[in-house]
Structures are given as structure tokens and as C-alpha cells.
Amino acid sequence: MGYSEAQQQEMLRIVSATLKSALRGKEWVSDKPDVEGLDTKSGCFVTLKKAGRLRGCIGCFVSDQPLYKTLGVYARASLLDDPRFAGNRLTLEDLSAIEIDISVLSPLKPCSDPENIRLGIDGIYVISSMGSGCFLPQVATETGWNVEEFWGNCCSHKAGLTYNAWRDSGVELYTFEAEVIAGDYQK
């Protein structure tokens, strides 16, 4: 990873244009951007905040689409489909106050030693037959959680499991890294 300033600005432009189109009830599909390097097939999450508070976050770990298209799909989903905000969606009037975080993900790696993850660097993904959930790396930094709290809250709040399920042998644990591109909505 390691995106240039031009690539980061183009990613923010794509997300901003998608949000504006979605709120106007239109489908917006990005043509291949002039900026090189955004056609790799990477997973990503698009996080939307207003006044520092989460207002949407949806993404994927793997994509069969180029990154510039995946960004549009998940920007739209974060805005319109995040079930946590079903009764309180962002509006056109909110656009100028929206903060955008784009997390471009590395491939998932099985985690054999969950006690030794790197808080603020490693994101986590928990999978069991009962549910799954993930936290982006920045969640550990934002919350101040230690390793146990990071895994435990992912299990209990995101995957619908018990707090200590991450210690069970039947639960699969993965880590990943993310390059975070942060910015405000671009008119």
C-alpha cells in the first residue's frame, strides 16, 4: 500500500461524489480515474462520521472489482444501508459536515497468537458458526481498549458471541492491516 497524495485525494473525491449522488437518488459510477494505481482489487471499508460520531461504516475484505469501484459501492452502502442508522440517515444538508475515513485493507491473515496483536496496527476479524464481526485497526486507538477488550468487544458487540469467545478453539481469528485515508467531504 502507501498511496500518494494524488491517489488519496482521488479516493476522497470518488467517495464524496458517490455520497452526493446517493442522497439525490441517483446512481453514480466512477469511470476509471486519471490517477494511476486505483485499479487494484483490494478490500476496503468506508467510514462516515459527523462531528466525530460514527454515522456509517460498511466494507469488504476482498473485492473482485477495482478499488475505485469498490469505494463507490461501500460509500453508498455506508450512507444508505448501515442498519445502525436506519432511522437516522445522513441528509444532503449534512454533506458539508461529513468526515470520511477510507480504510484500504491488506489480505486477511490467520491469527495464531491473539494475545500478541499490535493495537492500532492490526484489525481483527472473528468468525464462528454463530456469527462474525470485525474491528478496523483504528478502533483500538479510538477506544483505548487493551488486547482482551479489543477481542472481547468484537466478539460480543459485533459477532453476537460471548465476550470470551475469541479464546474458544472453534472460533476463527484473523488480522489485517489498513491504510487509512481521512478527509472531509469534497464539494
C-alpha atoms as a PDB file:
ATOM      1  CA  MET A   1       0.000   0.000   0.000  1.00  0.00           C
ATOM      2  CA  GLY A   2       1.318   3.521   0.527  1.00  0.00           C
ATOM      3  CA  TYR A   3      -0.939   5.753  -1.553  1.00  0.00           C
ATOM      4  CA  SER A   4       0.285   9.070  -2.928  1.00  0.00           C
ATOM      5  CA  GLU A   5      -1.410  12.360  -2.096  1.00  0.00           C
ATOM      6  CA  ALA A   6      -2.980  12.385  -5.588  1.00  0.00           C
ATOM      7  CA  GLN A   7      -4.363   8.862  -5.105  1.00  0.00           C
ATOM      8  CA  GLN A   8      -5.739   9.735  -1.668  1.00  0.00           C
ATOM      9  CA  GLN A   9      -7.445  12.862  -2.994  1.00  0.00           C
ATOM     10  CA  GLU A  10      -8.964  10.863  -5.852  1.00  0.00           C
ATOM     11  CA  MET A  11     -10.321   8.277  -3.404  1.00  0.00           C
ATOM     12  CA  LEU A  12     -11.905  11.033  -1.310  1.00  0.00           C
ATOM     13  CA  ARG A  13     -13.352  12.602  -4.480  1.00  0.00           C
ATOM     14  CA  ILE A  14     -14.900   9.268  -5.518  1.00  0.00           C
ATOM     15  CA  VAL A  15     -16.485   8.748  -2.097  1.00  0.00           C
ATOM     16  CA  SER A  16     -17.745  12.352  -1.969  1.00  0.00           C
ATOM     17  CA  ALA A  17     -19.295  12.143  -5.443  1.00  0.00           C
ATOM     18  CA  THR A  18     -20.943   8.842  -4.562  1.00  0.00           C
ATOM     19  CA  LEU A  19     -22.454  10.277  -1.372  1.00  0.00           C
ATOM     20  CA  LYS A  20     -23.846  13.309  -3.194  1.00  0.00           C
ATOM     21  CA  SER A  21     -25.373  11.169  -5.947  1.00  0.00           C
ATOM     22  CA  ALA A  22     -26.848   8.680  -3.488  1.00  0.00           C
ATOM     23  CA  LEU A  23     -28.523  11.424  -1.471  1.00  0.00           C
ATOM     24  CA  ARG A  24     -30.011  12.809  -4.679  1.00  0.00           C
ATOM     25  CA  GLY A  25     -31.390   9.361  -5.514  1.00  0.00           C
ATOM     26  CA  LYS A  26     -29.034   8.850  -8.439  1.00  0.00           C
ATOM     27  CA  GLU A  27     -26.624   6.058  -9.233  1.00  0.00           C
ATOM     28  CA  TRP A  28     -23.073   7.306  -9.678  1.00  0.00           C
ATOM     29  CA  VAL A  29     -20.488   5.066 -11.227  1.00  0.00           C
ATOM     30  CA  SER A  30     -16.921   6.259 -11.427  1.00  0.00           C
ATOM     31  CA  ASP A  31     -15.110   5.976 -14.710  1.00  0.00           C
ATOM     32  CA  LYS A  32     -11.570   4.751 -14.418  1.00  0.00           C
ATOM     33  CA  PRO A  33      -9.776   7.637 -12.721  1.00  0.00           C
ATOM     34  CA  ASP A  34      -6.943   9.550 -14.345  1.00  0.00           C
ATOM     35  CA  VAL A  35      -4.812   8.787 -11.290  1.00  0.00           C
ATOM     36  CA  GLU A  36      -2.924   5.504 -11.644  1.00  0.00           C
ATOM     37  CA  GLY A  37      -2.931   2.774  -9.012  1.00  0.00           C
ATOM     38  CA  LEU A  38      -6.601   2.669  -8.025  1.00  0.00           C
ATOM     39  CA  ASP A  39      -7.464  -0.343 -10.149  1.00  0.00           C
ATOM     40  CA  THR A  40      -6.024  -2.951  -7.771  1.00  0.00           C
ATOM     41  CA  LYS A  41      -8.511  -5.379  -6.253  1.00  0.00           C
ATOM     42  CA  SER A  42      -8.483  -4.569  -2.566  1.00  0.00           C
ATOM     43  CA  GLY A  43     -10.957  -4.811   0.248  1.00  0.00           C
ATOM     44  CA  CYS A  44     -11.929  -1.560   1.896  1.00  0.00           C
ATOM     45  CA  PHE A  45     -14.242   0.000   4.439  1.00  0.00           C
ATOM     46  CA  VAL A  46     -15.781   3.459   4.141  1.00  0.00           C
ATOM     47  CA  THR A  47     -16.495   5.125   7.480  1.00  0.00           C
ATOM     48  CA  LEU A  48     -18.668   8.227   7.720  1.00  0.00           C
ATOM     49  CA  LYS A  49     -18.692  10.499  10.762  1.00  0.00           C
ATOM     50  CA  LYS A  50     -20.399  13.733  11.655  1.00  0.00           C
ATOM     51  CA  ALA A  51     -18.965  15.839  14.490  1.00  0.00           C
ATOM     52  CA  GLY A  52     -16.662  12.915  15.285  1.00  0.00           C
ATOM     53  CA  ARG A  53     -19.543  10.475  15.781  1.00  0.00           C
ATOM     54  CA  LEU A  54     -19.961   7.366  13.671  1.00  0.00           C
ATOM     55  CA  ARG A  55     -22.772   7.638  11.100  1.00  0.00           C
ATOM     56  CA  GLY A  56     -21.995   4.660   8.860  1.00  0.00           C
ATOM     57  CA  CYS A  57     -19.314   2.064   8.224  1.00  0.00           C
ATOM     58  CA  ILE A  58     -19.534  -0.801   5.753  1.00  0.00           C
ATOM     59  CA  GLY A  59     -16.929  -2.573   3.668  1.00  0.00           C
ATOM     60  CA  CYS A  60     -15.467  -5.859   2.495  1.00  0.00           C
ATOM     61  CA  PHE A  61     -12.292  -7.856   2.995  1.00  0.00           C
ATOM     62  CA  VAL A  62     -11.950  -8.988  -0.612  1.00  0.00           C
ATOM     63  CA  SER A  63     -13.247  -7.482  -3.838  1.00  0.00           C
ATOM     64  CA  ASP A  64     -13.298  -8.685  -7.407  1.00  0.00           C
ATOM     65  CA  GLN A  65     -13.732  -5.073  -8.567  1.00  0.00           C
ATOM     66  CA  PRO A  66     -11.058  -2.390  -8.945  1.00  0.00           C
ATOM     67  CA  LEU A  67     -10.601  -0.290  -5.798  1.00  0.00           C
ATOM     68  CA  TYR A  68     -12.143   2.829  -7.363  1.00  0.00           C
ATOM     69  CA  LYS A  69     -15.396   0.908  -7.982  1.00  0.00           C
ATOM     70  CA  THR A  70     -15.329  -0.836  -4.597  1.00  0.00           C
ATOM     71  CA  LEU A  71     -15.039   2.573  -2.913  1.00  0.00           C
ATOM     72  CA  GLY A  72     -18.244   3.730  -4.598  1.00  0.00           C
ATOM     73  CA  VAL A  73     -20.152   0.585  -3.634  1.00  0.00           C
ATOM     74  CA  TYR A  74     -19.228   0.849   0.038  1.00  0.00           C
ATOM     75  CA  ALA A  75     -19.575   4.627   0.271  1.00  0.00           C
ATOM     76  CA  ARG A  76     -23.169   4.220  -0.880  1.00  0.00           C
ATOM     77  CA  ALA A  77     -23.739   1.258   1.468  1.00  0.00           C
ATOM     78  CA  SER A  78     -22.272   3.133   4.457  1.00  0.00           C
ATOM     79  CA  LEU A  79     -24.614   6.021   3.781  1.00  0.00           C
ATOM     80  CA  LEU A  80     -27.815   4.131   2.979  1.00  0.00           C
ATOM     81  CA  ASP A  81     -27.516   0.578   4.319  1.00  0.00           C
ATOM     82  CA  ASP A  82     -25.782   0.583   7.699  1.00  0.00           C
ATOM     83  CA  PRO A  83     -28.549  -0.871   9.898  1.00  0.00           C
ATOM     84  CA  ARG A  84     -27.317   1.010  12.974  1.00  0.00           C
ATOM     85  CA  PHE A  85     -28.559   4.261  11.415  1.00  0.00           C
ATOM     86  CA  ALA A  86     -31.738   3.082   9.681  1.00  0.00           C
ATOM     87  CA  GLY A  87     -33.908   5.647  11.468  1.00  0.00           C
ATOM     88  CA  ASN A  88     -31.390   8.469  11.341  1.00  0.00           C
ATOM     89  CA  ARG A  89     -29.715   8.639   7.938  1.00  0.00           C
ATOM     90  CA  LEU A  90     -27.458  11.470   6.862  1.00  0.00           C
ATOM     91  CA  THR A  91     -29.062  14.012   4.521  1.00  0.00           C
ATOM     92  CA  LEU A  92     -27.933  16.384   1.772  1.00  0.00           C
ATOM     93  CA  GLU A  93     -27.797  19.125   4.402  1.00  0.00           C
ATOM     94  CA  ASP A  94     -25.288  17.018   6.386  1.00  0.00           C
ATOM     95  CA  LEU A  95     -22.835  16.597   3.495  1.00  0.00           C
ATOM     96  CA  SER A  96     -20.623  19.578   4.251  1.00  0.00           C
ATOM     97  CA  ALA A  97     -20.087  18.256   7.812  1.00  0.00           C
ATOM     98  CA  ILE A  98     -19.260  14.651   6.878  1.00  0.00           C
ATOM     99  CA  GLU A  99     -15.839  13.280   7.742  1.00  0.00           C
ATOM    100  CA  ILE A 100     -14.662  10.364   5.608  1.00  0.00           C
ATOM    101  CA  ASP A 101     -12.258   7.584   6.562  1.00  0.00           C
ATOM    102  CA  ILE A 102     -11.315   5.130   3.846  1.00  0.00           C
ATOM    103  CA  SER A 103      -9.548   2.010   5.090  1.00  0.00           C
ATOM    104  CA  VAL A 104      -7.852   0.046   2.319  1.00  0.00           C
ATOM    105  CA  LEU A 105      -7.164  -3.431   3.657  1.00  0.00           C
ATOM    106  CA  SER A 106      -4.320  -5.884   3.384  1.00  0.00           C
ATOM    107  CA  PRO A 107      -5.287  -9.552   2.900  1.00  0.00           C
ATOM    108  CA  LEU A 108      -6.555 -11.401   5.981  1.00  0.00           C
ATOM    109  CA  LYS A 109      -4.003 -13.486   7.902  1.00  0.00           C
ATOM    110  CA  PRO A 110      -4.921 -16.299  10.318  1.00  0.00           C
ATOM    111  CA  CYS A 111      -4.098 -15.249  13.878  1.00  0.00           C
ATOM    112  CA  SER A 112      -2.443 -17.981  15.906  1.00  0.00           C
ATOM    113  CA  ASP A 113      -1.465 -15.749  18.837  1.00  0.00           C
ATOM    114  CA  PRO A 114      -4.307 -13.306  19.610  1.00  0.00           C
ATOM    115  CA  GLU A 115      -2.585 -12.014  22.752  1.00  0.00           C
ATOM    116  CA  ASN A 116       0.195 -10.513  20.607  1.00  0.00           C
ATOM    117  CA  ILE A 117      -1.686  -8.409  18.099  1.00  0.00           C
ATOM    118  CA  ARG A 118      -0.460  -4.859  17.537  1.00  0.00           C
ATOM    119  CA  LEU A 119      -3.114  -2.459  18.804  1.00  0.00           C
ATOM    120  CA  GLY A 120      -3.684   0.389  16.379  1.00  0.00           C
ATOM    121  CA  ILE A 121      -1.962  -1.534  13.566  1.00  0.00           C
ATOM    122  CA  ASP A 122      -3.847  -4.832  13.354  1.00  0.00           C
ATOM    123  CA  GLY A 123      -7.536  -5.006  12.632  1.00  0.00           C
ATOM    124  CA  ILE A 124      -9.345  -8.135  13.757  1.00  0.00           C
ATOM    125  CA  TYR A 125     -11.939 -10.453  12.259  1.00  0.00           C
ATOM    126  CA  VAL A 126     -13.759 -13.141  14.246  1.00  0.00           C
ATOM    127  CA  ILE A 127     -15.732 -15.954  12.578  1.00  0.00           C
ATOM    128  CA  SER A 128     -17.802 -18.734  14.142  1.00  0.00           C
ATOM    129  CA  SER A 129     -20.826 -20.757  13.123  1.00  0.00           C
ATOM    130  CA  MET A 130     -22.914 -18.311  15.187  1.00  0.00           C
ATOM    131  CA  GLY A 131     -21.707 -15.066  13.636  1.00  0.00           C
ATOM    132  CA  SER A 132     -18.813 -12.890  12.568  1.00  0.00           C
ATOM    133  CA  GLY A 133     -17.544  -9.405  13.224  1.00  0.00           C
ATOM    134  CA  CYS A 134     -14.579  -7.136  12.741  1.00  0.00           C
ATOM    135  CA  PHE A 135     -12.941  -4.034  14.080  1.00  0.00           C
ATOM    136  CA  LEU A 136     -10.705  -1.827  11.968  1.00  0.00           C
ATOM    137  CA  PRO A 137      -7.257  -1.147  13.489  1.00  0.00           C
ATOM    138  CA  GLN A 138      -8.154   2.414  14.455  1.00  0.00           C
ATOM    139  CA  VAL A 139     -10.950   1.215  16.777  1.00  0.00           C
ATOM    140  CA  ALA A 140      -8.371   0.107  19.368  1.00  0.00           C
ATOM    141  CA  THR A 141      -6.780   3.558  19.314  1.00  0.00           C
ATOM    142  CA  GLU A 142     -10.099   5.433  19.400  1.00  0.00           C
ATOM    143  CA  THR A 143     -11.454   3.419  22.343  1.00  0.00           C
ATOM    144  CA  GLY A 144      -8.232   2.899  24.308  1.00  0.00           C
ATOM    145  CA  TRP A 145      -9.008  -0.807  24.645  1.00  0.00           C
ATOM    146  CA  ASN A 146      -6.350  -3.330  25.572  1.00  0.00           C
ATOM    147  CA  VAL A 147      -5.947  -6.598  23.625  1.00  0.00           C
ATOM    148  CA  GLU A 148      -8.542  -8.510  25.662  1.00  0.00           C
ATOM    149  CA  GLU A 149     -11.097  -5.694  25.368  1.00  0.00           C
ATOM    150  CA  PHE A 150     -10.494  -5.408  21.623  1.00  0.00           C
ATOM    151  CA  TRP A 151     -11.162  -9.119  21.010  1.00  0.00           C
ATOM    152  CA  GLY A 152     -13.909  -9.343  23.657  1.00  0.00           C
ATOM    153  CA  ASN A 153     -15.873  -6.374  22.358  1.00  0.00           C
ATOM    154  CA  CYS A 154     -15.544  -7.598  18.790  1.00  0.00           C
ATOM    155  CA  CYS A 155     -16.972 -10.951  19.838  1.00  0.00           C
ATOM    156  CA  SER A 156     -19.786  -9.579  21.991  1.00  0.00           C
ATOM    157  CA  HIS A 157     -20.755  -6.401  20.119  1.00  0.00           C
ATOM    158  CA  LYS A 158     -20.034  -7.282  16.504  1.00  0.00           C
ATOM    159  CA  ALA A 159     -20.185 -11.078  16.154  1.00  0.00           C
ATOM    160  CA  GLY A 160     -23.018 -11.761  18.605  1.00  0.00           C
ATOM    161  CA  LEU A 161     -20.855 -14.150  20.614  1.00  0.00           C
ATOM    162  CA  THR A 162     -19.837 -14.244  24.237  1.00  0.00           C
ATOM    163  CA  TYR A 163     -17.129 -11.822  25.348  1.00  0.00           C
ATOM    164  CA  ASN A 164     -14.529 -14.584  25.729  1.00  0.00           C
ATOM    165  CA  ALA A 165     -15.441 -16.491  22.551  1.00  0.00           C
ATOM    166  CA  TRP A 166     -12.122 -15.426  20.990  1.00  0.00           C
ATOM    167  CA  ARG A 167     -10.456 -17.899  23.352  1.00  0.00           C
ATOM    168  CA  ASP A 168     -12.540 -20.848  22.052  1.00  0.00           C
ATOM    169  CA  SER A 169     -10.924 -23.308  19.656  1.00  0.00           C
ATOM    170  CA  GLY A 170     -13.977 -23.329  17.356  1.00  0.00           C
ATOM    171  CA  VAL A 171     -13.689 -19.613  16.616  1.00  0.00           C
ATOM    172  CA  GLU A 172     -11.507 -18.471  13.723  1.00  0.00           C
ATOM    173  CA  LEU A 173      -9.401 -15.363  14.287  1.00  0.00           C
ATOM    174  CA  TYR A 174      -7.782 -13.220  11.612  1.00  0.00           C
ATOM    175  CA  THR A 175      -5.826  -9.988  11.490  1.00  0.00           C
ATOM    176  CA  PHE A 176      -5.289  -7.438   8.748  1.00  0.00           C
ATOM    177  CA  GLU A 177      -3.758  -4.008   8.321  1.00  0.00           C
ATOM    178  CA  ALA A 178      -5.353  -0.918   6.848  1.00  0.00           C
ATOM    179  CA  GLU A 179      -4.094   2.210   5.220  1.00  0.00           C
ATOM    180  CA  VAL A 180      -6.445   4.941   6.364  1.00  0.00           C
ATOM    181  CA  ILE A 181      -7.186   7.905   4.137  1.00  0.00           C
ATOM    182  CA  ALA A 182      -9.041  10.570   6.081  1.00  0.00           C
ATOM    183  CA  GLY A 183     -10.629  13.768   4.897  1.00  0.00           C
ATOM    184  CA  ASP A 184     -13.747  15.858   4.778  1.00  0.00           C
ATOM    185  CA  TYR A 185     -16.500  15.725   2.184  1.00  0.00           C
ATOM    186  CA  GLN A 186     -15.315  17.399  -1.011  1.00  0.00           C
ATOM    187  CA  LYS A 187     -17.803  19.596  -2.897  1.00  0.00           C
END
